[in-house]
Amino acid sequence: GIESRGFIFGATLAHHTGTGFALARKPNKLPLASHRQSYGLEYGTDSLELQQSTLPKNARVLIVDDVLATGGTIIAASQLLKNAGFEVVGALTLLEISGLQGGNTLMQKGMTNRTVLTA
């Protein structure tokens, strides 16, 4: 799940499916060594971190977040997970803001995304 509302949906989904769960957090919030991925924002940059040894190597991972806007955060999370040795199978978002074209951006990057609601 991506910080922070993605934690709520991701943890719930992991619990109901009996699968593992990992947090993608903003920098310097994880207690142990972590992988880091920086990405561009409209007016600057940001980073996501993933704690090392969170899931088994080569695990298949679904990225879960609350809102899909431009797709930048999900793309960064995908790259972070791939660099850490995981297979990203797609993304699941609760809401897509259609005017920002995040779904199209993910599709152009070869990512599968499922959205519950579109606004």
PDB file of N, CA and C in Angstrom:
ATOM      1  N   GLY A   1       0.818  -1.184   0.000  1.00  0.00           N
ATOM      2  CA  GLY A   1       0.000   0.000   0.000  1.00  0.00           C
ATOM      3  C   GLY A   1       0.858   1.242   0.000  1.00  0.00           C
ATOM      4  N   ILE A   2       0.429   2.268  -0.693  1.00  0.00           N
ATOM      5  CA  ILE A   2       1.167   3.523  -0.776  1.00  0.00           C
ATOM      6  C   ILE A   2       0.676   4.475   0.311  1.00  0.00           C
ATOM      7  N   GLU A   3       1.618   5.185   0.934  1.00  0.00           N
ATOM      8  CA  GLU A   3       1.312   6.102   2.027  1.00  0.00           C
ATOM      9  C   GLU A   3       0.246   7.104   1.613  1.00  0.00           C
ATOM     10  N   SER A   4      -0.690   7.400   2.456  1.00  0.00           N
ATOM     11  CA  SER A   4      -0.997   6.662   3.654  1.00  0.00           C
ATOM     12  C   SER A   4      -2.368   5.985   3.557  1.00  0.00           C
ATOM     13  N   ARG A   5      -3.263   6.511   2.757  1.00  0.00           N
ATOM     14  CA  ARG A   5      -4.577   5.864   2.655  1.00  0.00           C
ATOM     15  C   ARG A   5      -4.507   4.543   1.907  1.00  0.00           C
ATOM     16  N   GLY A   6      -3.470   4.342   1.118  1.00  0.00           N
ATOM     17  CA  GLY A   6      -3.274   3.043   0.480  1.00  0.00           C
ATOM     18  C   GLY A   6      -3.035   1.948   1.504  1.00  0.00           C
ATOM     19  N   PHE A   7      -2.556   2.340   2.708  1.00  0.00           N
ATOM     20  CA  PHE A   7      -2.346   1.364   3.779  1.00  0.00           C
ATOM     21  C   PHE A   7      -3.680   0.744   4.192  1.00  0.00           C
ATOM     22  N   ILE A   8      -4.696   1.588   4.292  1.00  0.00           N
ATOM     23  CA  ILE A   8      -6.007   1.125   4.758  1.00  0.00           C
ATOM     24  C   ILE A   8      -6.570   0.089   3.795  1.00  0.00           C
ATOM     25  N   PHE A   9      -6.601   0.424   2.511  1.00  0.00           N
ATOM     26  CA  PHE A   9      -7.177  -0.485   1.524  1.00  0.00           C
ATOM     27  C   PHE A   9      -6.275  -1.689   1.280  1.00  0.00           C
ATOM     28  N   GLY A  10      -4.977  -1.466   1.221  1.00  0.00           N
ATOM     29  CA  GLY A  10      -4.034  -2.553   0.964  1.00  0.00           C
ATOM     30  C   GLY A  10      -4.008  -3.576   2.080  1.00  0.00           C
ATOM     31  N   ALA A  11      -3.989  -3.104   3.331  1.00  0.00           N
ATOM     32  CA  ALA A  11      -3.961  -4.019   4.470  1.00  0.00           C
ATOM     33  C   ALA A  11      -5.253  -4.829   4.548  1.00  0.00           C
ATOM     34  N   THR A  12      -6.373  -4.183   4.295  1.00  0.00           N
ATOM     35  CA  THR A  12      -7.664  -4.883   4.313  1.00  0.00           C
ATOM     36  C   THR A  12      -7.715  -5.940   3.220  1.00  0.00           C
ATOM     37  N   LEU A  13      -7.280  -5.593   2.027  1.00  0.00           N
ATOM     38  CA  LEU A  13      -7.260  -6.542   0.914  1.00  0.00           C
ATOM     39  C   LEU A  13      -6.328  -7.711   1.217  1.00  0.00           C
ATOM     40  N   ALA A  14      -5.146  -7.431   1.760  1.00  0.00           N
ATOM     41  CA  ALA A  14      -4.196  -8.495   2.103  1.00  0.00           C
ATOM     42  C   ALA A  14      -4.788  -9.432   3.152  1.00  0.00           C
ATOM     43  N   HIS A  15      -5.463  -8.867   4.135  1.00  0.00           N
ATOM     44  CA  HIS A  15      -6.086  -9.685   5.177  1.00  0.00           C
ATOM     45  C   HIS A  15      -7.147 -10.618   4.589  1.00  0.00           C
ATOM     46  N   HIS A  16      -8.006 -10.091   3.743  1.00  0.00           N
ATOM     47  CA  HIS A  16      -9.098 -10.889   3.179  1.00  0.00           C
ATOM     48  C   HIS A  16      -8.627 -11.920   2.165  1.00  0.00           C
ATOM     49  N   THR A  17      -7.474 -11.693   1.559  1.00  0.00           N
ATOM     50  CA  THR A  17      -6.963 -12.654   0.571  1.00  0.00           C
ATOM     51  C   THR A  17      -5.882 -13.560   1.148  1.00  0.00           C
ATOM     52  N   GLY A  18      -5.500 -13.320   2.405  1.00  0.00           N
ATOM     53  CA  GLY A  18      -4.487 -14.148   3.044  1.00  0.00           C
ATOM     54  C   GLY A  18      -3.097 -13.975   2.441  1.00  0.00           C
ATOM     55  N   THR A  19      -2.791 -12.772   1.966  1.00  0.00           N
ATOM     56  CA  THR A  19      -1.490 -12.507   1.350  1.00  0.00           C
ATOM     57  C   THR A  19      -0.682 -11.541   2.214  1.00  0.00           C
ATOM     58  N   GLY A  20       0.562 -11.324   1.833  1.00  0.00           N
ATOM     59  CA  GLY A  20       1.428 -10.399   2.553  1.00  0.00           C
ATOM     60  C   GLY A  20       1.089  -8.955   2.236  1.00  0.00           C
ATOM     61  N   PHE A  21       1.714  -8.059   2.995  1.00  0.00           N
ATOM     62  CA  PHE A  21       1.470  -6.629   2.823  1.00  0.00           C
ATOM     63  C   PHE A  21       2.759  -5.871   3.102  1.00  0.00           C
ATOM     64  N   ALA A  22       3.054  -4.881   2.279  1.00  0.00           N
ATOM     65  CA  ALA A  22       4.241  -4.044   2.472  1.00  0.00           C
ATOM     66  C   ALA A  22       3.858  -2.579   2.325  1.00  0.00           C
ATOM     67  N   LEU A  23       4.552  -1.727   3.060  1.00  0.00           N
ATOM     68  CA  LEU A  23       4.291  -0.292   3.036  1.00  0.00           C
ATOM     69  C   LEU A  23       5.268   0.423   2.115  1.00  0.00           C
ATOM     70  N   ALA A  24       4.755   1.276   1.251  1.00  0.00           N
ATOM     71  CA  ALA A  24       5.585   2.206   0.481  1.00  0.00           C
ATOM     72  C   ALA A  24       5.407   3.559   1.159  1.00  0.00           C
ATOM     73  N   ARG A  25       6.478   4.019   1.828  1.00  0.00           N
ATOM     74  CA  ARG A  25       6.373   5.211   2.666  1.00  0.00           C
ATOM     75  C   ARG A  25       7.215   6.356   2.158  1.00  0.00           C
ATOM     76  N   LYS A  26       6.915   7.534   2.655  1.00  0.00           N
ATOM     77  CA  LYS A  26       7.749   8.702   2.391  1.00  0.00           C
ATOM     78  C   LYS A  26       9.099   8.492   3.084  1.00  0.00           C
ATOM     79  N   PRO A  27      10.139   9.201   2.653  1.00  0.00           N
ATOM     80  CA  PRO A  27      11.492   8.961   3.173  1.00  0.00           C
ATOM     81  C   PRO A  27      11.626   9.094   4.694  1.00  0.00           C
ATOM     82  N   ASN A  28      12.520   8.243   5.233  1.00  0.00           N
ATOM     83  CA  ASN A  28      12.953   8.295   6.635  1.00  0.00           C
ATOM     84  C   ASN A  28      11.859   7.987   7.652  1.00  0.00           C
ATOM     85  N   LYS A  29      10.863   7.204   7.263  1.00  0.00           N
ATOM     86  CA  LYS A  29       9.813   6.818   8.205  1.00  0.00           C
ATOM     87  C   LYS A  29       9.875   5.334   8.560  1.00  0.00           C
ATOM     88  N   LEU A  30      10.692   4.562   7.851  1.00  0.00           N
ATOM     89  CA  LEU A  30      10.796   3.130   8.111  1.00  0.00           C
ATOM     90  C   LEU A  30      11.948   2.861   9.082  1.00  0.00           C
ATOM     91  N   PRO A  31      11.774   1.890  10.008  1.00  0.00           N
ATOM     92  CA  PRO A  31      12.780   1.675  11.052  1.00  0.00           C
ATOM     93  C   PRO A  31      14.052   0.950  10.595  1.00  0.00           C
ATOM     94  N   LEU A  32      13.987   0.186   9.530  1.00  0.00           N
ATOM     95  CA  LEU A  32      15.132  -0.611   9.085  1.00  0.00           C
ATOM     96  C   LEU A  32      15.609  -0.149   7.716  1.00  0.00           C
ATOM     97  N   ALA A  33      16.665  -0.781   7.224  1.00  0.00           N
ATOM     98  CA  ALA A  33      17.203  -0.454   5.899  1.00  0.00           C
ATOM     99  C   ALA A  33      16.105  -0.558   4.852  1.00  0.00           C
ATOM    100  N   SER A  34      16.151   0.345   3.875  1.00  0.00           N
ATOM    101  CA  SER A  34      15.080   0.363   2.880  1.00  0.00           C
ATOM    102  C   SER A  34      15.618   0.666   1.494  1.00  0.00           C
ATOM    103  N   HIS A  35      14.809   0.308   0.494  1.00  0.00           N
ATOM    104  CA  HIS A  35      15.050   0.678  -0.893  1.00  0.00           C
ATOM    105  C   HIS A  35      14.374   2.031  -1.102  1.00  0.00           C
ATOM    106  N   ARG A  36      14.926   2.859  -1.992  1.00  0.00           N
ATOM    107  CA  ARG A  36      14.347   4.186  -2.236  1.00  0.00           C
ATOM    108  C   ARG A  36      14.196   4.429  -3.730  1.00  0.00           C
ATOM    109  N   GLN A  37      13.087   5.099  -4.110  1.00  0.00           N
ATOM    110  CA  GLN A  37      12.847   5.497  -5.496  1.00  0.00           C
ATOM    111  C   GLN A  37      12.371   6.943  -5.504  1.00  0.00           C
ATOM    112  N   SER A  38      13.091   7.801  -6.220  1.00  0.00           N
ATOM    113  CA  SER A  38      12.678   9.198  -6.371  1.00  0.00           C
ATOM    114  C   SER A  38      11.834   9.340  -7.632  1.00  0.00           C
ATOM    115  N   TYR A  39      10.964  10.333  -7.644  1.00  0.00           N
ATOM    116  CA  TYR A  39      10.116  10.574  -8.811  1.00  0.00           C
ATOM    117  C   TYR A  39       9.741  12.043  -8.876  1.00  0.00           C
ATOM    118  N   GLY A  40       9.376  12.490 -10.073  1.00  0.00           N
ATOM    119  CA  GLY A  40       9.031  13.884 -10.293  1.00  0.00           C
ATOM    120  C   GLY A  40       7.583  14.188  -9.971  1.00  0.00           C
ATOM    121  N   LEU A  41       7.379  15.369  -9.430  1.00  0.00           N
ATOM    122  CA  LEU A  41       6.048  15.915  -9.197  1.00  0.00           C
ATOM    123  C   LEU A  41       5.879  17.124 -10.104  1.00  0.00           C
ATOM    124  N   GLU A  42       4.689  17.684 -10.107  1.00  0.00           N
ATOM    125  CA  GLU A  42       4.448  18.857 -10.947  1.00  0.00           C
ATOM    126  C   GLU A  42       5.390  20.007 -10.596  1.00  0.00           C
ATOM    127  N   TYR A  43       5.690  20.156  -9.296  1.00  0.00           N
ATOM    128  CA  TYR A  43       6.546  21.262  -8.851  1.00  0.00           C
ATOM    129  C   TYR A  43       7.704  20.777  -7.993  1.00  0.00           C
ATOM    130  N   GLY A  44       8.386  19.714  -8.364  1.00  0.00           N
ATOM    131  CA  GLY A  44       9.533  19.239  -7.593  1.00  0.00           C
ATOM    132  C   GLY A  44       9.683  17.737  -7.677  1.00  0.00           C
ATOM    133  N   THR A  45      10.267  17.156  -6.633  1.00  0.00           N
ATOM    134  CA  THR A  45      10.469  15.713  -6.580  1.00  0.00           C
ATOM    135  C   THR A  45      10.057  15.186  -5.213  1.00  0.00           C
ATOM    136  N   ASP A  46       9.872  13.880  -5.148  1.00  0.00           N
ATOM    137  CA  ASP A  46       9.569  13.192  -3.903  1.00  0.00           C
ATOM    138  C   ASP A  46      10.191  11.816  -3.990  1.00  0.00           C
ATOM    139  N   SER A  47      10.092  11.043  -2.923  1.00  0.00           N
ATOM    140  CA  SER A  47      10.636   9.688  -2.904  1.00  0.00           C
ATOM    141  C   SER A  47       9.701   8.771  -2.143  1.00  0.00           C
ATOM    142  N   LEU A  48       9.782   7.491  -2.464  1.00  0.00           N
ATOM    143  CA  LEU A  48       9.108   6.439  -1.719  1.00  0.00           C
ATOM    144  C   LEU A  48      10.171   5.463  -1.238  1.00  0.00           C
ATOM    145  N   GLU A  49       9.922   4.857  -0.082  1.00  0.00           N
ATOM    146  CA  GLU A  49      10.830   3.842   0.442  1.00  0.00           C
ATOM    147  C   GLU A  49      10.061   2.573   0.760  1.00  0.00           C
ATOM    148  N   LEU A  50      10.751   1.451   0.623  1.00  0.00           N
ATOM    149  CA  LEU A  50      10.212   0.128   0.927  1.00  0.00           C
ATOM    150  C   LEU A  50      11.226  -0.572   1.809  1.00  0.00           C
ATOM    151  N   GLN A  51      10.782  -1.043   2.969  1.00  0.00           N
ATOM    152  CA  GLN A  51      11.691  -1.729   3.877  1.00  0.00           C
ATOM    153  C   GLN A  51      12.221  -3.003   3.229  1.00  0.00           C
ATOM    154  N   GLN A  52      13.519  -3.239   3.347  1.00  0.00           N
ATOM    155  CA  GLN A  52      14.116  -4.454   2.803  1.00  0.00           C
ATOM    156  C   GLN A  52      13.593  -5.662   3.567  1.00  0.00           C
ATOM    157  N   SER A  53      13.522  -6.799   2.913  1.00  0.00           N
ATOM    158  CA  SER A  53      13.089  -8.070   3.510  1.00  0.00           C
ATOM    159  C   SER A  53      11.642  -8.049   3.965  1.00  0.00           C
ATOM    160  N   THR A  54      10.808  -7.227   3.346  1.00  0.00           N
ATOM    161  CA  THR A  54       9.394  -7.164   3.713  1.00  0.00           C
ATOM    162  C   THR A  54       8.621  -8.364   3.182  1.00  0.00           C
ATOM    163  N   LEU A  55       8.881  -8.740   1.951  1.00  0.00           N
ATOM    164  CA  LEU A  55       8.203  -9.851   1.285  1.00  0.00           C
ATOM    165  C   LEU A  55       9.257 -10.789   0.710  1.00  0.00           C
ATOM    166  N   PRO A  56       8.882 -12.043   0.419  1.00  0.00           N
ATOM    167  CA  PRO A  56       9.850 -12.963  -0.190  1.00  0.00           C
ATOM    168  C   PRO A  56      10.310 -12.458  -1.559  1.00  0.00           C
ATOM    169  N   LYS A  57      11.586 -12.683  -1.890  1.00  0.00           N
ATOM    170  CA  LYS A  57      12.108 -12.300  -3.208  1.00  0.00           C
ATOM    171  C   LYS A  57      11.246 -12.910  -4.303  1.00  0.00           C
ATOM    172  N   ASN A  58      11.113 -12.195  -5.402  1.00  0.00           N
ATOM    173  CA  ASN A  58      10.336 -12.610  -6.573  1.00  0.00           C
ATOM    174  C   ASN A  58       8.838 -12.711  -6.312  1.00  0.00           C
ATOM    175  N   ALA A  59       8.353 -12.187  -5.184  1.00  0.00           N
ATOM    176  CA  ALA A  59       6.915 -12.220  -4.898  1.00  0.00           C
ATOM    177  C   ALA A  59       6.166 -11.412  -5.955  1.00  0.00           C
ATOM    178  N   ARG A  60       4.960 -11.848  -6.263  1.00  0.00           N
ATOM    179  CA  ARG A  60       4.079 -11.103  -7.165  1.00  0.00           C
ATOM    180  C   ARG A  60       3.328 -10.077  -6.322  1.00  0.00           C
ATOM    181  N   VAL A  61       3.351  -8.807  -6.770  1.00  0.00           N
ATOM    182  CA  VAL A  61       2.853  -7.700  -5.957  1.00  0.00           C
ATOM    183  C   VAL A  61       1.794  -6.901  -6.712  1.00  0.00           C
ATOM    184  N   LEU A  62       0.713  -6.559  -5.998  1.00  0.00           N
ATOM    185  CA  LEU A  62      -0.321  -5.659  -6.500  1.00  0.00           C
ATOM    186  C   LEU A  62      -0.179  -4.345  -5.741  1.00  0.00           C
ATOM    187  N   ILE A  63      -0.042  -3.245  -6.459  1.00  0.00           N
ATOM    188  CA  ILE A  63       0.065  -1.924  -5.835  1.00  0.00           C
ATOM    189  C   ILE A  63      -1.347  -1.420  -5.540  1.00  0.00           C
ATOM    190  N   VAL A  64      -1.578  -0.970  -4.298  1.00  0.00           N
ATOM    191  CA  VAL A  64      -2.899  -0.487  -3.890  1.00  0.00           C
ATOM    192  C   VAL A  64      -2.765   0.949  -3.394  1.00  0.00           C
ATOM    193  N   ASP A  65      -3.618   1.833  -3.918  1.00  0.00           N
ATOM    194  CA  ASP A  65      -3.638   3.228  -3.469  1.00  0.00           C
ATOM    195  C   ASP A  65      -5.069   3.740  -3.511  1.00  0.00           C
ATOM    196  N   ASP A  66      -5.300   4.855  -2.844  1.00  0.00           N
ATOM    197  CA  ASP A  66      -6.654   5.391  -2.792  1.00  0.00           C
ATOM    198  C   ASP A  66      -7.028   6.150  -4.056  1.00  0.00           C
ATOM    199  N   VAL A  67      -6.138   7.022  -4.554  1.00  0.00           N
ATOM    200  CA  VAL A  67      -6.467   7.880  -5.692  1.00  0.00           C
ATOM    201  C   VAL A  67      -5.420   7.746  -6.790  1.00  0.00           C
ATOM    202  N   LEU A  68      -5.895   7.631  -8.024  1.00  0.00           N
ATOM    203  CA  LEU A  68      -5.028   7.681  -9.200  1.00  0.00           C
ATOM    204  C   LEU A  68      -5.246   9.037  -9.848  1.00  0.00           C
ATOM    205  N   ALA A  69      -4.210   9.875  -9.823  1.00  0.00           N
ATOM    206  CA  ALA A  69      -4.284  11.196 -10.462  1.00  0.00           C
ATOM    207  C   ALA A  69      -3.461  11.154 -11.746  1.00  0.00           C
ATOM    208  N   THR A  70      -2.189  11.515 -11.674  1.00  0.00           N
ATOM    209  CA  THR A  70      -1.336  11.516 -12.875  1.00  0.00           C
ATOM    210  C   THR A  70      -0.669  10.173 -13.121  1.00  0.00           C
ATOM    211  N   GLY A  71      -0.631   9.322 -12.108  1.00  0.00           N
ATOM    212  CA  GLY A  71       0.020   8.016 -12.229  1.00  0.00           C
ATOM    213  C   GLY A  71       1.461   8.008 -11.759  1.00  0.00           C
ATOM    214  N   GLY A  72       2.020   9.171 -11.444  1.00  0.00           N
ATOM    215  CA  GLY A  72       3.424   9.262 -11.064  1.00  0.00           C
ATOM    216  C   GLY A  72       3.799   8.465  -9.832  1.00  0.00           C
ATOM    217  N   THR A  73       2.964   8.494  -8.811  1.00  0.00           N
ATOM    218  CA  THR A  73       3.270   7.773  -7.582  1.00  0.00           C
ATOM    219  C   THR A  73       3.223   6.268  -7.812  1.00  0.00           C
ATOM    220  N   ILE A  74       2.247   5.791  -8.564  1.00  0.00           N
ATOM    221  CA  ILE A  74       2.146   4.357  -8.834  1.00  0.00           C
ATOM    222  C   ILE A  74       3.308   3.891  -9.700  1.00  0.00           C
ATOM    223  N   ILE A  75       3.717   4.690 -10.665  1.00  0.00           N
ATOM    224  CA  ILE A  75       4.871   4.332 -11.494  1.00  0.00           C
ATOM    225  C   ILE A  75       6.128   4.262 -10.629  1.00  0.00           C
ATOM    226  N   ALA A  76       6.296   5.223  -9.713  1.00  0.00           N
ATOM    227  CA  ALA A  76       7.451   5.202  -8.810  1.00  0.00           C
ATOM    228  C   ALA A  76       7.415   3.973  -7.909  1.00  0.00           C
ATOM    229  N   ALA A  77       6.235   3.643  -7.379  1.00  0.00           N
ATOM    230  CA  ALA A  77       6.104   2.456  -6.535  1.00  0.00           C
ATOM    231  C   ALA A  77       6.431   1.198  -7.329  1.00  0.00           C
ATOM    232  N   SER A  78       5.985   1.140  -8.570  1.00  0.00           N
ATOM    233  CA  SER A  78       6.276  -0.006  -9.429  1.00  0.00           C
ATOM    234  C   SER A  78       7.776  -0.162  -9.643  1.00  0.00           C
ATOM    235  N   GLN A  79       8.456   0.937  -9.936  1.00  0.00           N
ATOM    236  CA  GLN A  79       9.907   0.883 -10.149  1.00  0.00           C
ATOM    237  C   GLN A  79      10.630   0.484  -8.868  1.00  0.00           C
ATOM    238  N   LEU A  80      10.180   1.011  -7.741  1.00  0.00           N
ATOM    239  CA  LEU A  80      10.751   0.668  -6.442  1.00  0.00           C
ATOM    240  C   LEU A  80      10.646  -0.832  -6.186  1.00  0.00           C
ATOM    241  N   LEU A  81       9.468  -1.392  -6.427  1.00  0.00           N
ATOM    242  CA  LEU A  81       9.246  -2.822  -6.206  1.00  0.00           C
ATOM    243  C   LEU A  81      10.069  -3.679  -7.162  1.00  0.00           C
ATOM    244  N   LYS A  82      10.126  -3.284  -8.418  1.00  0.00           N
ATOM    245  CA  LYS A  82      10.927  -4.033  -9.396  1.00  0.00           C
ATOM    246  C   LYS A  82      12.404  -4.007  -9.016  1.00  0.00           C
ATOM    247  N   ASN A  83      12.904  -2.841  -8.610  1.00  0.00           N
ATOM    248  CA  ASN A  83      14.304  -2.727  -8.204  1.00  0.00           C
ATOM    249  C   ASN A  83      14.613  -3.570  -6.967  1.00  0.00           C
ATOM    250  N   ALA A  84      13.593  -3.806  -6.133  1.00  0.00           N
ATOM    251  CA  ALA A  84      13.759  -4.620  -4.932  1.00  0.00           C
ATOM    252  C   ALA A  84      13.604  -6.111  -5.223  1.00  0.00           C
ATOM    253  N   GLY A  85      13.310  -6.468  -6.481  1.00  0.00           N
ATOM    254  CA  GLY A  85      13.245  -7.874  -6.862  1.00  0.00           C
ATOM    255  C   GLY A  85      11.863  -8.486  -6.902  1.00  0.00           C
ATOM    256  N   PHE A  86      10.831  -7.663  -6.963  1.00  0.00           N
ATOM    257  CA  PHE A  86       9.463  -8.175  -7.001  1.00  0.00           C
ATOM    258  C   PHE A  86       8.870  -8.059  -8.398  1.00  0.00           C
ATOM    259  N   GLU A  87       7.848  -8.865  -8.655  1.00  0.00           N
ATOM    260  CA  GLU A  87       7.117  -8.801  -9.923  1.00  0.00           C
ATOM    261  C   GLU A  87       5.825  -8.019  -9.691  1.00  0.00           C
ATOM    262  N   VAL A  88       5.678  -6.882 -10.337  1.00  0.00           N
ATOM    263  CA  VAL A  88       4.472  -6.061 -10.195  1.00  0.00           C
ATOM    264  C   VAL A  88       3.432  -6.566 -11.191  1.00  0.00           C
ATOM    265  N   VAL A  89       2.276  -7.006 -10.677  1.00  0.00           N
ATOM    266  CA  VAL A  89       1.231  -7.555 -11.543  1.00  0.00           C
ATOM    267  C   VAL A  89       0.193  -6.506 -11.936  1.00  0.00           C
ATOM    268  N   GLY A  90       0.211  -5.343 -11.283  1.00  0.00           N
ATOM    269  CA  GLY A  90      -0.734  -4.290 -11.628  1.00  0.00           C
ATOM    270  C   GLY A  90      -0.992  -3.378 -10.453  1.00  0.00           C
ATOM    271  N   ALA A  91      -2.010  -2.540 -10.609  1.00  0.00           N
ATOM    272  CA  ALA A  91      -2.382  -1.584  -9.571  1.00  0.00           C
ATOM    273  C   ALA A  91      -3.896  -1.607  -9.384  1.00  0.00           C
ATOM    274  N   LEU A  92      -4.315  -1.288  -8.173  1.00  0.00           N
ATOM    275  CA  LEU A  92      -5.727  -1.183  -7.823  1.00  0.00           C
ATOM    276  C   LEU A  92      -5.911   0.139  -7.095  1.00  0.00           C
ATOM    277  N   THR A  93      -6.835   0.972  -7.582  1.00  0.00           N
ATOM    278  CA  THR A  93      -7.105   2.256  -6.941  1.00  0.00           C
ATOM    279  C   THR A  93      -8.597   2.390  -6.674  1.00  0.00           C
ATOM    280  N   LEU A  94      -8.925   3.093  -5.613  1.00  0.00           N
ATOM    281  CA  LEU A  94     -10.321   3.305  -5.271  1.00  0.00           C
ATOM    282  C   LEU A  94     -10.961   4.326  -6.208  1.00  0.00           C
ATOM    283  N   LEU A  95     -10.236   5.415  -6.512  1.00  0.00           N
ATOM    284  CA  LEU A  95     -10.795   6.504  -7.307  1.00  0.00           C
ATOM    285  C   LEU A  95      -9.780   6.975  -8.335  1.00  0.00           C
ATOM    286  N   GLU A  96     -10.229   7.143  -9.572  1.00  0.00           N
ATOM    287  CA  GLU A  96      -9.389   7.747 -10.605  1.00  0.00           C
ATOM    288  C   GLU A  96      -9.964   9.108 -10.973  1.00  0.00           C
ATOM    289  N   ILE A  97      -9.107  10.124 -10.972  1.00  0.00           N
ATOM    290  CA  ILE A  97      -9.498  11.458 -11.433  1.00  0.00           C
ATOM    291  C   ILE A  97      -9.236  11.466 -12.931  1.00  0.00           C
ATOM    292  N   SER A  98     -10.282  11.242 -13.712  1.00  0.00           N
ATOM    293  CA  SER A  98     -10.126  10.965 -15.146  1.00  0.00           C
ATOM    294  C   SER A  98      -9.480  12.102 -15.925  1.00  0.00           C
ATOM    295  N   GLY A  99      -9.706  13.338 -15.538  1.00  0.00           N
ATOM    296  CA  GLY A  99      -9.146  14.468 -16.267  1.00  0.00           C
ATOM    297  C   GLY A  99      -7.632  14.563 -16.213  1.00  0.00           C
ATOM    298  N   LEU A 100      -7.004  13.847 -15.283  1.00  0.00           N
ATOM    299  CA  LEU A 100      -5.545  13.908 -15.140  1.00  0.00           C
ATOM    300  C   LEU A 100      -4.831  12.793 -15.900  1.00  0.00           C
ATOM    301  N   GLN A 101      -5.594  11.910 -16.528  1.00  0.00           N
ATOM    302  CA  GLN A 101      -5.057  10.901 -17.457  1.00  0.00           C
ATOM    303  C   GLN A 101      -4.103   9.881 -16.835  1.00  0.00           C
ATOM    304  N   GLY A 102      -4.205   9.644 -15.523  1.00  0.00           N
ATOM    305  CA  GLY A 102      -3.329   8.666 -14.875  1.00  0.00           C
ATOM    306  C   GLY A 102      -3.485   7.264 -15.423  1.00  0.00           C
ATOM    307  N   GLY A 103      -4.717   6.879 -15.724  1.00  0.00           N
ATOM    308  CA  GLY A 103      -4.953   5.551 -16.298  1.00  0.00           C
ATOM    309  C   GLY A 103      -4.246   5.377 -17.626  1.00  0.00           C
ATOM    310  N   ASN A 104      -4.308   6.406 -18.468  1.00  0.00           N
ATOM    311  CA  ASN A 104      -3.608   6.354 -19.757  1.00  0.00           C
ATOM    312  C   ASN A 104      -2.102   6.295 -19.569  1.00  0.00           C
ATOM    313  N   THR A 105      -1.584   7.049 -18.604  1.00  0.00           N
ATOM    314  CA  THR A 105      -0.145   7.037 -18.329  1.00  0.00           C
ATOM    315  C   THR A 105       0.308   5.645 -17.913  1.00  0.00           C
ATOM    316  N   LEU A 106      -0.453   4.998 -17.027  1.00  0.00           N
ATOM    317  CA  LEU A 106      -0.097   3.644 -16.599  1.00  0.00           C
ATOM    318  C   LEU A 106      -0.156   2.675 -17.771  1.00  0.00           C
ATOM    319  N   MET A 107      -1.176   2.805 -18.606  1.00  0.00           N
ATOM    320  CA  MET A 107      -1.314   1.931 -19.769  1.00  0.00           C
ATOM    321  C   MET A 107      -0.122   2.099 -20.710  1.00  0.00           C
ATOM    322  N   GLN A 108       0.316   3.330 -20.919  1.00  0.00           N
ATOM    323  CA  GLN A 108       1.475   3.583 -21.781  1.00  0.00           C
ATOM    324  C   GLN A 108       2.747   2.963 -21.215  1.00  0.00           C
ATOM    325  N   LYS A 109       2.810   2.803 -19.894  1.00  0.00           N
ATOM    326  CA  LYS A 109       3.961   2.175 -19.242  1.00  0.00           C
ATOM    327  C   LYS A 109       3.806   0.655 -19.160  1.00  0.00           C
ATOM    328  N   GLY A 110       2.701   0.144 -19.734  1.00  0.00           N
ATOM    329  CA  GLY A 110       2.479  -1.298 -19.731  1.00  0.00           C
ATOM    330  C   GLY A 110       1.914  -1.841 -18.436  1.00  0.00           C
ATOM    331  N   MET A 111       1.334  -0.978 -17.608  1.00  0.00           N
ATOM    332  CA  MET A 111       0.768  -1.413 -16.329  1.00  0.00           C
ATOM    333  C   MET A 111      -0.739  -1.600 -16.427  1.00  0.00           C
ATOM    334  N   THR A 112      -1.216  -2.627 -15.774  1.00  0.00           N
ATOM    335  CA  THR A 112      -2.641  -2.876 -15.650  1.00  0.00           C
ATOM    336  C   THR A 112      -3.141  -2.162 -14.397  1.00  0.00           C
ATOM    337  N   ASN A 113      -4.253  -1.433 -14.515  1.00  0.00           N
ATOM    338  CA  ASN A 113      -4.852  -0.759 -13.368  1.00  0.00           C
ATOM    339  C   ASN A 113      -6.349  -1.026 -13.356  1.00  0.00           C
ATOM    340  N   ARG A 114      -6.859  -1.287 -12.170  1.00  0.00           N
ATOM    341  CA  ARG A 114      -8.299  -1.412 -11.975  1.00  0.00           C
ATOM    342  C   ARG A 114      -8.714  -0.337 -10.983  1.00  0.00           C
ATOM    343  N   THR A 115      -9.792   0.372 -11.306  1.00  0.00           N
ATOM    344  CA  THR A 115     -10.296   1.453 -10.467  1.00  0.00           C
ATOM    345  C   THR A 115     -11.743   1.168 -10.107  1.00  0.00           C
ATOM    346  N   VAL A 116     -12.099   1.422  -8.847  1.00  0.00           N
ATOM    347  CA  VAL A 116     -13.467   1.194  -8.390  1.00  0.00           C
ATOM    348  C   VAL A 116     -14.385   2.317  -8.868  1.00  0.00           C
ATOM    349  N   LEU A 117     -13.966   3.580  -8.717  1.00  0.00           N
ATOM    350  CA  LEU A 117     -14.776   4.740  -9.100  1.00  0.00           C
ATOM    351  C   LEU A 117     -13.961   5.689  -9.965  1.00  0.00           C
ATOM    352  N   THR A 118     -14.633   6.368 -10.891  1.00  0.00           N
ATOM    353  CA  THR A 118     -13.975   7.375 -11.722  1.00  0.00           C
ATOM    354  C   THR A 118     -14.721   8.695 -11.563  1.00  0.00           C
ATOM    355  N   ALA A 119     -13.965   9.770 -11.385  1.00  0.00           N
ATOM    356  CA  ALA A 119     -14.591  11.091 -11.232  1.00  0.00           C
ATOM    357  C   ALA A 119     -14.007  12.050 -12.249  1.00  0.00           C
TER     358      ALA A 119
END
